[in-house]
Amino acid sequence: SADNVDPIAFERDALARIGMPDEMVMRHRTPHFAHIFA
């Protein structure tokens, strides 16, 4: 279930769990990730 999800905080926490390097960002950040949200 996904009530009151903050997408940016969720993205940040998910990346922290996998150890995303600080010097990089996702190829498609959540607010423009058209593959999965358009």
PDB file of all heavy atoms in Angstrom:
ATOM      1  N   SER A   1       0.885  -1.168   0.000  1.00  0.00           N
ATOM      2  CA  SER A   1       0.000   0.000   0.000  1.00  0.00           C
ATOM      3  C   SER A   1       0.918   1.211   0.000  1.00  0.00           C
ATOM      4  O   SER A   1       2.080   1.125   0.400  1.00  0.00           O
ATOM      5  CB  SER A   1      -0.921   0.011   1.217  1.00  0.00           C
ATOM      6  OG  SER A   1      -0.164   0.085   2.414  1.00  0.00           O
ATOM      7  N   ALA A   2       0.377   2.345  -0.426  1.00  0.00           N
ATOM      8  CA  ALA A   2       1.283   3.486  -0.637  1.00  0.00           C
ATOM      9  C   ALA A   2       0.585   4.801  -0.320  1.00  0.00           C
ATOM     10  O   ALA A   2       0.593   5.738  -1.108  1.00  0.00           O
ATOM     11  CB  ALA A   2       1.795   3.483  -2.082  1.00  0.00           C
ATOM     12  N   ASP A   3      -0.014   4.888   0.847  1.00  0.00           N
ATOM     13  CA  ASP A   3      -0.633   6.136   1.260  1.00  0.00           C
ATOM     14  C   ASP A   3       0.440   7.138   1.682  1.00  0.00           C
ATOM     15  O   ASP A   3       1.397   6.789   2.382  1.00  0.00           O
ATOM     16  CB  ASP A   3      -1.590   5.894   2.431  1.00  0.00           C
ATOM     17  CG  ASP A   3      -2.787   5.047   2.023  1.00  0.00           C
ATOM     18  OD1 ASP A   3      -3.129   5.075   0.823  1.00  0.00           O
ATOM     19  OD2 ASP A   3      -3.356   4.361   2.887  1.00  0.00           O
ATOM     20  N   ASN A   4       0.274   8.355   1.233  1.00  0.00           N
ATOM     21  CA  ASN A   4       1.140   9.467   1.655  1.00  0.00           C
ATOM     22  C   ASN A   4       2.619   9.249   1.346  1.00  0.00           C
ATOM     23  O   ASN A   4       3.496   9.620   2.131  1.00  0.00           O
ATOM     24  CB  ASN A   4       0.968   9.736   3.162  1.00  0.00           C
ATOM     25  CG  ASN A   4      -0.468  10.036   3.523  1.00  0.00           C
ATOM     26  OD1 ASN A   4      -1.120  10.834   2.851  1.00  0.00           O
ATOM     27  ND2 ASN A   4      -0.969   9.379   4.565  1.00  0.00           N
ATOM     28  N   VAL A   5       2.902   8.650   0.211  1.00  0.00           N
ATOM     29  CA  VAL A   5       4.303   8.482  -0.193  1.00  0.00           C
ATOM     30  C   VAL A   5       4.864   9.821  -0.657  1.00  0.00           C
ATOM     31  O   VAL A   5       4.239  10.535  -1.440  1.00  0.00           O
ATOM     32  CB  VAL A   5       4.417   7.453  -1.332  1.00  0.00           C
ATOM     33  CG1 VAL A   5       5.804   7.490  -1.971  1.00  0.00           C
ATOM     34  CG2 VAL A   5       4.134   6.060  -0.809  1.00  0.00           C
ATOM     35  N   ASP A   6       6.030  10.170  -0.153  1.00  0.00           N
ATOM     36  CA  ASP A   6       6.776  11.335  -0.647  1.00  0.00           C
ATOM     37  C   ASP A   6       7.772  10.793  -1.676  1.00  0.00           C
ATOM     38  O   ASP A   6       8.758  10.161  -1.309  1.00  0.00           O
ATOM     39  CB  ASP A   6       7.509  12.019   0.502  1.00  0.00           C
ATOM     40  CG  ASP A   6       8.348  13.216   0.042  1.00  0.00           C
ATOM     41  OD1 ASP A   6       8.693  13.296  -1.159  1.00  0.00           O
ATOM     42  OD2 ASP A   6       8.674  14.060   0.891  1.00  0.00           O
ATOM     43  N   PRO A   7       7.538  11.004  -2.969  1.00  0.00           N
ATOM     44  CA  PRO A   7       8.377  10.353  -3.985  1.00  0.00           C
ATOM     45  C   PRO A   7       9.852  10.692  -3.876  1.00  0.00           C
ATOM     46  O   PRO A   7      10.700   9.818  -4.100  1.00  0.00           O
ATOM     47  CB  PRO A   7       7.791  10.870  -5.309  1.00  0.00           C
ATOM     48  CG  PRO A   7       6.393  11.245  -4.989  1.00  0.00           C
ATOM     49  CD  PRO A   7       6.432  11.770  -3.584  1.00  0.00           C
ATOM     50  N   ILE A   8      10.173  11.940  -3.557  1.00  0.00           N
ATOM     51  CA  ILE A   8      11.586  12.324  -3.492  1.00  0.00           C
ATOM     52  C   ILE A   8      12.260  11.679  -2.291  1.00  0.00           C
ATOM     53  O   ILE A   8      13.381  11.162  -2.394  1.00  0.00           O
ATOM     54  CB  ILE A   8      11.729  13.856  -3.450  1.00  0.00           C
ATOM     55  CG1 ILE A   8      11.032  14.487  -4.664  1.00  0.00           C
ATOM     56  CG2 ILE A   8      13.202  14.250  -3.413  1.00  0.00           C
ATOM     57  CD1 ILE A   8      11.495  13.964  -6.000  1.00  0.00           C
ATOM     58  N   ALA A   9      11.572  11.670  -1.140  1.00  0.00           N
ATOM     59  CA  ALA A   9      12.138  11.013   0.041  1.00  0.00           C
ATOM     60  C   ALA A   9      12.256   9.512  -0.191  1.00  0.00           C
ATOM     61  O   ALA A   9      13.248   8.879   0.215  1.00  0.00           O
ATOM     62  CB  ALA A   9      11.262  11.296   1.259  1.00  0.00           C
ATOM     63  N   PHE A  10      11.263   8.919  -0.849  1.00  0.00           N
ATOM     64  CA  PHE A  10      11.310   7.485  -1.130  1.00  0.00           C
ATOM     65  C   PHE A  10      12.491   7.170  -2.037  1.00  0.00           C
ATOM     66  O   PHE A  10      13.234   6.197  -1.800  1.00  0.00           O
ATOM     67  CB  PHE A  10      10.003   7.044  -1.782  1.00  0.00           C
ATOM     68  CG  PHE A  10       9.894   5.554  -1.973  1.00  0.00           C
ATOM     69  CD1 PHE A  10       9.302   4.759  -1.012  1.00  0.00           C
ATOM     70  CD2 PHE A  10      10.399   4.942  -3.117  1.00  0.00           C
ATOM     71  CE1 PHE A  10       9.202   3.383  -1.185  1.00  0.00           C
ATOM     72  CE2 PHE A  10      10.315   3.575  -3.295  1.00  0.00           C
ATOM     73  CZ  PHE A  10       9.714   2.794  -2.329  1.00  0.00           C
ATOM     74  N   GLU A  11      12.667   7.971  -3.076  1.00  0.00           N
ATOM     75  CA  GLU A  11      13.806   7.781  -3.983  1.00  0.00           C
ATOM     76  C   GLU A  11      15.125   7.883  -3.212  1.00  0.00           C
ATOM     77  O   GLU A  11      16.021   7.034  -3.370  1.00  0.00           O
ATOM     78  CB  GLU A  11      13.754   8.825  -5.090  1.00  0.00           C
ATOM     79  CG  GLU A  11      14.961   8.828  -6.027  1.00  0.00           C
ATOM     80  CD  GLU A  11      14.963  10.048  -6.939  1.00  0.00           C
ATOM     81  OE1 GLU A  11      14.102  10.121  -7.830  1.00  0.00           O
ATOM     82  OE2 GLU A  11      15.840  10.921  -6.758  1.00  0.00           O
ATOM     83  N   ARG A  12      15.236   8.911  -2.381  1.00  0.00           N
ATOM     84  CA  ARG A  12      16.473   9.114  -1.609  1.00  0.00           C
ATOM     85  C   ARG A  12      16.759   7.917  -0.701  1.00  0.00           C
ATOM     86  O   ARG A  12      17.892   7.417  -0.636  1.00  0.00           O
ATOM     87  CB  ARG A  12      16.348  10.392  -0.779  1.00  0.00           C
ATOM     88  CG  ARG A  12      17.602  10.728   0.030  1.00  0.00           C
ATOM     89  CD  ARG A  12      17.438  12.030   0.804  1.00  0.00           C
ATOM     90  NE  ARG A  12      16.329  11.941   1.757  1.00  0.00           N
ATOM     91  CZ  ARG A  12      15.203  12.657   1.664  1.00  0.00           C
ATOM     92  NH1 ARG A  12      15.026  13.503   0.657  1.00  0.00           N
ATOM     93  NH2 ARG A  12      14.258  12.528   2.582  1.00  0.00           N
ATOM     94  N   ASP A  13      15.724   7.425   0.000  1.00  0.00           N
ATOM     95  CA  ASP A  13      15.924   6.304   0.920  1.00  0.00           C
ATOM     96  C   ASP A  13      16.253   5.018   0.167  1.00  0.00           C
ATOM     97  O   ASP A  13      17.094   4.215   0.611  1.00  0.00           O
ATOM     98  CB  ASP A  13      14.673   6.106   1.774  1.00  0.00           C
ATOM     99  CG  ASP A  13      14.412   7.265   2.721  1.00  0.00           C
ATOM    100  OD1 ASP A  13      15.344   8.075   2.939  1.00  0.00           O
ATOM    101  OD2 ASP A  13      13.284   7.366   3.237  1.00  0.00           O
ATOM    102  N   ALA A  14      15.598   4.806  -0.965  1.00  0.00           N
ATOM    103  CA  ALA A  14      15.868   3.598  -1.756  1.00  0.00           C
ATOM    104  C   ALA A  14      17.306   3.600  -2.255  1.00  0.00           C
ATOM    105  O   ALA A  14      17.992   2.563  -2.240  1.00  0.00           O
ATOM    106  CB  ALA A  14      14.893   3.506  -2.923  1.00  0.00           C
ATOM    107  N   LEU A  15      17.787   4.754  -2.703  1.00  0.00           N
ATOM    108  CA  LEU A  15      19.166   4.847  -3.187  1.00  0.00           C
ATOM    109  C   LEU A  15      20.160   4.668  -2.052  1.00  0.00           C
ATOM    110  O   LEU A  15      21.236   4.074  -2.235  1.00  0.00           O
ATOM    111  CB  LEU A  15      19.375   6.185  -3.889  1.00  0.00           C
ATOM    112  CG  LEU A  15      18.587   6.377  -5.194  1.00  0.00           C
ATOM    113  CD1 LEU A  15      18.779   7.793  -5.732  1.00  0.00           C
ATOM    114  CD2 LEU A  15      19.008   5.360  -6.241  1.00  0.00           C
ATOM    115  N   ALA A  16      19.816   5.176  -0.877  1.00  0.00           N
ATOM    116  CA  ALA A  16      20.715   5.013   0.280  1.00  0.00           C
ATOM    117  C   ALA A  16      20.853   3.538   0.645  1.00  0.00           C
ATOM    118  O   ALA A  16      21.946   3.074   1.003  1.00  0.00           O
ATOM    119  CB  ALA A  16      20.186   5.819   1.464  1.00  0.00           C
ATOM    120  N   ARG A  17      19.756   2.794   0.560  1.00  0.00           N
ATOM    121  CA  ARG A  17      19.807   1.368   0.916  1.00  0.00           C
ATOM    122  C   ARG A  17      20.743   0.583   0.015  1.00  0.00           C
ATOM    123  O   ARG A  17      21.385  -0.372   0.459  1.00  0.00           O
ATOM    124  CB  ARG A  17      18.400   0.762   0.849  1.00  0.00           C
ATOM    125  CG  ARG A  17      17.521   1.070   2.031  1.00  0.00           C
ATOM    126  CD  ARG A  17      16.313   0.151   2.083  1.00  0.00           C
ATOM    127  NE  ARG A  17      15.480   0.238   0.889  1.00  0.00           N
ATOM    128  CZ  ARG A  17      14.518   1.132   0.715  1.00  0.00           C
ATOM    129  NH1 ARG A  17      14.272   2.037   1.649  1.00  0.00           N
ATOM    130  NH2 ARG A  17      13.793   1.134  -0.392  1.00  0.00           N
ATOM    131  N   ILE A  18      20.823   0.952  -1.244  1.00  0.00           N
ATOM    132  CA  ILE A  18      21.678   0.191  -2.160  1.00  0.00           C
ATOM    133  C   ILE A  18      23.085   0.782  -2.268  1.00  0.00           C
ATOM    134  O   ILE A  18      23.934   0.236  -2.968  1.00  0.00           O
ATOM    135  CB  ILE A  18      21.043   0.097  -3.561  1.00  0.00           C
ATOM    136  CG1 ILE A  18      20.835   1.486  -4.183  1.00  0.00           C
ATOM    137  CG2 ILE A  18      19.745  -0.685  -3.502  1.00  0.00           C
ATOM    138  CD1 ILE A  18      20.306   1.457  -5.611  1.00  0.00           C
ATOM    139  N   GLY A  19      23.325   1.900  -1.580  1.00  0.00           N
ATOM    140  CA  GLY A  19      24.657   2.506  -1.605  1.00  0.00           C
ATOM    141  C   GLY A  19      24.949   3.264  -2.892  1.00  0.00           C
ATOM    142  O   GLY A  19      26.058   3.186  -3.431  1.00  0.00           O
ATOM    143  N   MET A  20      23.984   4.040  -3.364  1.00  0.00           N
ATOM    144  CA  MET A  20      24.188   4.844  -4.569  1.00  0.00           C
ATOM    145  C   MET A  20      25.319   5.841  -4.328  1.00  0.00           C
ATOM    146  O   MET A  20      25.314   6.582  -3.352  1.00  0.00           O
ATOM    147  CB  MET A  20      22.897   5.597  -4.906  1.00  0.00           C
ATOM    148  CG  MET A  20      22.986   6.433  -6.164  1.00  0.00           C
ATOM    149  SD  MET A  20      23.010   5.380  -7.635  1.00  0.00           S
ATOM    150  CE  MET A  20      22.785   6.618  -8.928  1.00  0.00           C
ATOM    151  N   PRO A  21      26.308   5.885  -5.216  1.00  0.00           N
ATOM    152  CA  PRO A  21      27.420   6.829  -5.040  1.00  0.00           C
ATOM    153  C   PRO A  21      26.925   8.277  -5.051  1.00  0.00           C
ATOM    154  O   PRO A  21      26.035   8.643  -5.818  1.00  0.00           O
ATOM    155  CB  PRO A  21      28.315   6.548  -6.251  1.00  0.00           C
ATOM    156  CG  PRO A  21      27.952   5.163  -6.683  1.00  0.00           C
ATOM    157  CD  PRO A  21      26.495   5.010  -6.384  1.00  0.00           C
ATOM    158  N   ASP A  22      27.521   9.104  -4.189  1.00  0.00           N
ATOM    159  CA  ASP A  22      27.123  10.513  -4.090  1.00  0.00           C
ATOM    160  C   ASP A  22      27.395  11.272  -5.379  1.00  0.00           C
ATOM    161  O   ASP A  22      26.768  12.302  -5.637  1.00  0.00           O
ATOM    162  CB  ASP A  22      27.866  11.201  -2.943  1.00  0.00           C
ATOM    163  CG  ASP A  22      27.461  10.646  -1.583  1.00  0.00           C
ATOM    164  OD1 ASP A  22      26.347  10.090  -1.472  1.00  0.00           O
ATOM    165  OD2 ASP A  22      28.263  10.760  -0.634  1.00  0.00           O
ATOM    166  N   GLU A  23      28.342  10.789  -6.170  1.00  0.00           N
ATOM    167  CA  GLU A  23      28.758  11.510  -7.371  1.00  0.00           C
ATOM    168  C   GLU A  23      27.835  11.273  -8.564  1.00  0.00           C
ATOM    169  O   GLU A  23      28.070  11.790  -9.653  1.00  0.00           O
ATOM    170  CB  GLU A  23      30.178  11.071  -7.766  1.00  0.00           C
ATOM    171  CG  GLU A  23      31.229  11.311  -6.692  1.00  0.00           C
ATOM    172  CD  GLU A  23      31.304  10.192  -5.658  1.00  0.00           C
ATOM    173  OE1 GLU A  23      30.524   9.200  -5.788  1.00  0.00           O
ATOM    174  OE2 GLU A  23      32.113  10.295  -4.726  1.00  0.00           O
ATOM    175  N   MET A  24      26.772  10.491  -8.364  1.00  0.00           N
ATOM    176  CA  MET A  24      25.903  10.098  -9.471  1.00  0.00           C
ATOM    177  C   MET A  24      24.449  10.350  -9.124  1.00  0.00           C
ATOM    178  O   MET A  24      24.083  10.429  -7.954  1.00  0.00           O
ATOM    179  CB  MET A  24      26.075   8.605  -9.784  1.00  0.00           C
ATOM    180  CG  MET A  24      27.429   8.206 -10.285  1.00  0.00           C
ATOM    181  SD  MET A  24      27.452   6.430 -10.657  1.00  0.00           S
ATOM    182  CE  MET A  24      26.136   6.318 -11.880  1.00  0.00           C
ATOM    183  N   VAL A  25      23.621  10.425 -10.152  1.00  0.00           N
ATOM    184  CA  VAL A  25      22.170  10.380  -9.972  1.00  0.00           C
ATOM    185  C   VAL A  25      21.629   9.301 -10.903  1.00  0.00           C
ATOM    186  O   VAL A  25      22.322   8.815 -11.800  1.00  0.00           O
ATOM    187  CB  VAL A  25      21.491  11.733 -10.287  1.00  0.00           C
ATOM    188  CG1 VAL A  25      22.033  12.836  -9.399  1.00  0.00           C
ATOM    189  CG2 VAL A  25      21.644  12.099 -11.757  1.00  0.00           C
ATOM    190  N   MET A  26      20.374   8.938 -10.668  1.00  0.00           N
ATOM    191  CA  MET A  26      19.713   7.980 -11.540  1.00  0.00           C
ATOM    192  C   MET A  26      19.667   8.521 -12.972  1.00  0.00           C
ATOM    193  O   MET A  26      19.607   9.726 -13.187  1.00  0.00           O
ATOM    194  CB  MET A  26      18.275   7.740 -11.065  1.00  0.00           C
ATOM    195  CG  MET A  26      18.154   7.163  -9.685  1.00  0.00           C
ATOM    196  SD  MET A  26      16.481   7.429  -8.995  1.00  0.00           S
ATOM    197  CE  MET A  26      15.452   6.564 -10.180  1.00  0.00           C
ATOM    198  N   ARG A  27      19.662   7.621 -13.933  1.00  0.00           N
ATOM    199  CA  ARG A  27      19.545   8.038 -15.331  1.00  0.00           C
ATOM    200  C   ARG A  27      18.214   8.763 -15.561  1.00  0.00           C
ATOM    201  O   ARG A  27      18.146   9.714 -16.349  1.00  0.00           O
ATOM    202  CB  ARG A  27      19.647   6.813 -16.246  1.00  0.00           C
ATOM    203  CG  ARG A  27      19.586   7.140 -17.740  1.00  0.00           C
ATOM    204  CD  ARG A  27      19.923   5.915 -18.564  1.00  0.00           C
ATOM    205  NE  ARG A  27      19.819   6.156 -19.995  1.00  0.00           N
ATOM    206  CZ  ARG A  27      20.769   6.714 -20.749  1.00  0.00           C
ATOM    207  NH1 ARG A  27      21.902   7.106 -20.180  1.00  0.00           N
ATOM    208  NH2 ARG A  27      20.595   6.884 -22.038  1.00  0.00           N
ATOM    209  N   HIS A  28      17.172   8.310 -14.895  1.00  0.00           N
ATOM    210  CA  HIS A  28      15.860   8.962 -14.974  1.00  0.00           C
ATOM    211  C   HIS A  28      15.357   9.150 -13.544  1.00  0.00           C
ATOM    212  O   HIS A  28      14.872   8.188 -12.939  1.00  0.00           O
ATOM    213  CB  HIS A  28      14.855   8.106 -15.751  1.00  0.00           C
ATOM    214  CG  HIS A  28      15.309   7.688 -17.107  1.00  0.00           C
ATOM    215  ND1 HIS A  28      15.418   8.557 -18.166  1.00  0.00           N
ATOM    216  CD2 HIS A  28      15.678   6.474 -17.574  1.00  0.00           C
ATOM    217  CE1 HIS A  28      15.836   7.899 -19.227  1.00  0.00           C
ATOM    218  NE2 HIS A  28      16.006   6.639 -18.897  1.00  0.00           N
ATOM    219  N   ARG A  29      15.460  10.361 -13.026  1.00  0.00           N
ATOM    220  CA  ARG A  29      14.952  10.576 -11.680  1.00  0.00           C
ATOM    221  C   ARG A  29      13.420  10.495 -11.677  1.00  0.00           C
ATOM    222  O   ARG A  29      12.751  10.683 -12.687  1.00  0.00           O
ATOM    223  CB  ARG A  29      15.431  11.920 -11.134  1.00  0.00           C
ATOM    224  CG  ARG A  29      16.936  11.910 -10.794  1.00  0.00           C
ATOM    225  CD  ARG A  29      17.319  13.045  -9.856  1.00  0.00           C
ATOM    226  NE  ARG A  29      16.509  13.052  -8.663  1.00  0.00           N
ATOM    227  CZ  ARG A  29      15.638  14.015  -8.354  1.00  0.00           C
ATOM    228  NH1 ARG A  29      15.477  15.064  -9.151  1.00  0.00           N
ATOM    229  NH2 ARG A  29      14.935  13.945  -7.244  1.00  0.00           N
ATOM    230  N   THR A  30      12.862  10.216 -10.520  1.00  0.00           N
ATOM    231  CA  THR A  30      11.442   9.887 -10.397  1.00  0.00           C
ATOM    232  C   THR A  30      10.498  10.903 -11.047  1.00  0.00           C
ATOM    233  O   THR A  30       9.582  10.505 -11.779  1.00  0.00           O
ATOM    234  CB  THR A  30      11.091   9.696  -8.908  1.00  0.00           C
ATOM    235  OG1 THR A  30      11.868   8.608  -8.386  1.00  0.00           O
ATOM    236  CG2 THR A  30       9.621   9.400  -8.720  1.00  0.00           C
ATOM    237  N   PRO A  31      10.667  12.231 -10.856  1.00  0.00           N
ATOM    238  CA  PRO A  31       9.664  13.160 -11.397  1.00  0.00           C
ATOM    239  C   PRO A  31       9.617  13.234 -12.923  1.00  0.00           C
ATOM    240  O   PRO A  31       8.677  13.809 -13.471  1.00  0.00           O
ATOM    241  CB  PRO A  31      10.086  14.515 -10.798  1.00  0.00           C
ATOM    242  CG  PRO A  31      10.879  14.174  -9.590  1.00  0.00           C
ATOM    243  CD  PRO A  31      11.618  12.923  -9.966  1.00  0.00           C
ATOM    244  N   HIS A  32      10.633  12.687 -13.615  1.00  0.00           N
ATOM    245  CA  HIS A  32      10.562  12.644 -15.078  1.00  0.00           C
ATOM    246  C   HIS A  32      10.789  11.231 -15.620  1.00  0.00           C
ATOM    247  O   HIS A  32      11.095  11.064 -16.793  1.00  0.00           O
ATOM    248  CB  HIS A  32      11.564  13.625 -15.715  1.00  0.00           C
ATOM    249  CG  HIS A  32      12.979  13.444 -15.281  1.00  0.00           C
ATOM    250  ND1 HIS A  32      13.562  14.218 -14.305  1.00  0.00           N
ATOM    251  CD2 HIS A  32      13.939  12.592 -15.684  1.00  0.00           C
ATOM    252  CE1 HIS A  32      14.813  13.845 -14.130  1.00  0.00           C
ATOM    253  NE2 HIS A  32      15.060  12.856 -14.954  1.00  0.00           N
ATOM    254  N   PHE A  33      10.564  10.227 -14.789  1.00  0.00           N
ATOM    255  CA  PHE A  33      10.786   8.825 -15.172  1.00  0.00           C
ATOM    256  C   PHE A  33       9.585   8.360 -16.006  1.00  0.00           C
ATOM    257  O   PHE A  33       8.711   7.623 -15.552  1.00  0.00           O
ATOM    258  CB  PHE A  33      10.947   7.977 -13.915  1.00  0.00           C
ATOM    259  CG  PHE A  33      11.643   6.650 -14.119  1.00  0.00           C
ATOM    260  CD1 PHE A  33      12.064   5.914 -13.016  1.00  0.00           C
ATOM    261  CD2 PHE A  33      11.895   6.131 -15.385  1.00  0.00           C
ATOM    262  CE1 PHE A  33      12.703   4.698 -13.171  1.00  0.00           C
ATOM    263  CE2 PHE A  33      12.532   4.911 -15.555  1.00  0.00           C
ATOM    264  CZ  PHE A  33      12.931   4.190 -14.433  1.00  0.00           C
ATOM    265  N   ALA A  34       9.568   8.815 -17.268  1.00  0.00           N
ATOM    266  CA  ALA A  34       8.412   8.592 -18.132  1.00  0.00           C
ATOM    267  C   ALA A  34       8.185   7.117 -18.433  1.00  0.00           C
ATOM    268  O   ALA A  34       7.042   6.692 -18.655  1.00  0.00           O
ATOM    269  CB  ALA A  34       8.572   9.381 -19.428  1.00  0.00           C
ATOM    270  N   HIS A  35       9.243   6.321 -18.459  1.00  0.00           N
ATOM    271  CA  HIS A  35       9.077   4.889 -18.727  1.00  0.00           C
ATOM    272  C   HIS A  35       8.050   4.270 -17.785  1.00  0.00           C
ATOM    273  O   HIS A  35       7.306   3.370 -18.185  1.00  0.00           O
ATOM    274  CB  HIS A  35      10.403   4.147 -18.537  1.00  0.00           C
ATOM    275  CG  HIS A  35      11.370   4.299 -19.654  1.00  0.00           C
ATOM    276  ND1 HIS A  35      12.143   5.425 -19.811  1.00  0.00           N
ATOM    277  CD2 HIS A  35      11.706   3.469 -20.674  1.00  0.00           C
ATOM    278  CE1 HIS A  35      12.913   5.275 -20.872  1.00  0.00           C
ATOM    279  NE2 HIS A  35      12.664   4.104 -21.422  1.00  0.00           N
ATOM    280  N   ILE A  36       8.011   4.714 -16.539  1.00  0.00           N
ATOM    281  CA  ILE A  36       7.165   4.037 -15.553  1.00  0.00           C
ATOM    282  C   ILE A  36       5.991   4.879 -15.067  1.00  0.00           C
ATOM    283  O   ILE A  36       5.061   4.331 -14.472  1.00  0.00           O
ATOM    284  CB  ILE A  36       7.991   3.529 -14.343  1.00  0.00           C
ATOM    285  CG1 ILE A  36       8.564   4.678 -13.515  1.00  0.00           C
ATOM    286  CG2 ILE A  36       9.098   2.607 -14.808  1.00  0.00           C
ATOM    287  CD1 ILE A  36       9.207   4.211 -12.216  1.00  0.00           C
ATOM    288  N   PHE A  37       5.996   6.192 -15.331  1.00  0.00           N
ATOM    289  CA  PHE A  37       4.895   7.023 -14.841  1.00  0.00           C
ATOM    290  C   PHE A  37       4.089   7.707 -15.940  1.00  0.00           C
ATOM    291  O   PHE A  37       3.005   8.219 -15.675  1.00  0.00           O
ATOM    292  CB  PHE A  37       5.407   8.055 -13.840  1.00  0.00           C
ATOM    293  CG  PHE A  37       5.900   7.443 -12.559  1.00  0.00           C
ATOM    294  CD1 PHE A  37       7.225   7.561 -12.167  1.00  0.00           C
ATOM    295  CD2 PHE A  37       5.032   6.719 -11.753  1.00  0.00           C
ATOM    296  CE1 PHE A  37       7.680   6.978 -10.995  1.00  0.00           C
ATOM    297  CE2 PHE A  37       5.476   6.122 -10.579  1.00  0.00           C
ATOM    298  CZ  PHE A  37       6.807   6.254 -10.194  1.00  0.00           C
ATOM    299  N   ALA A  38       4.568   7.746 -17.178  1.00  0.00           N
ATOM    300  CA  ALA A  38       3.762   8.266 -18.291  1.00  0.00           C
ATOM    301  C   ALA A  38       3.050   7.078 -18.934  1.00  0.00           C
ATOM    302  O   ALA A  38       3.221   6.771 -20.108  1.00  0.00           O
ATOM    303  CB  ALA A  38       4.636   9.003 -19.294  1.00  0.00           C
TER     304      ALA A  38
END
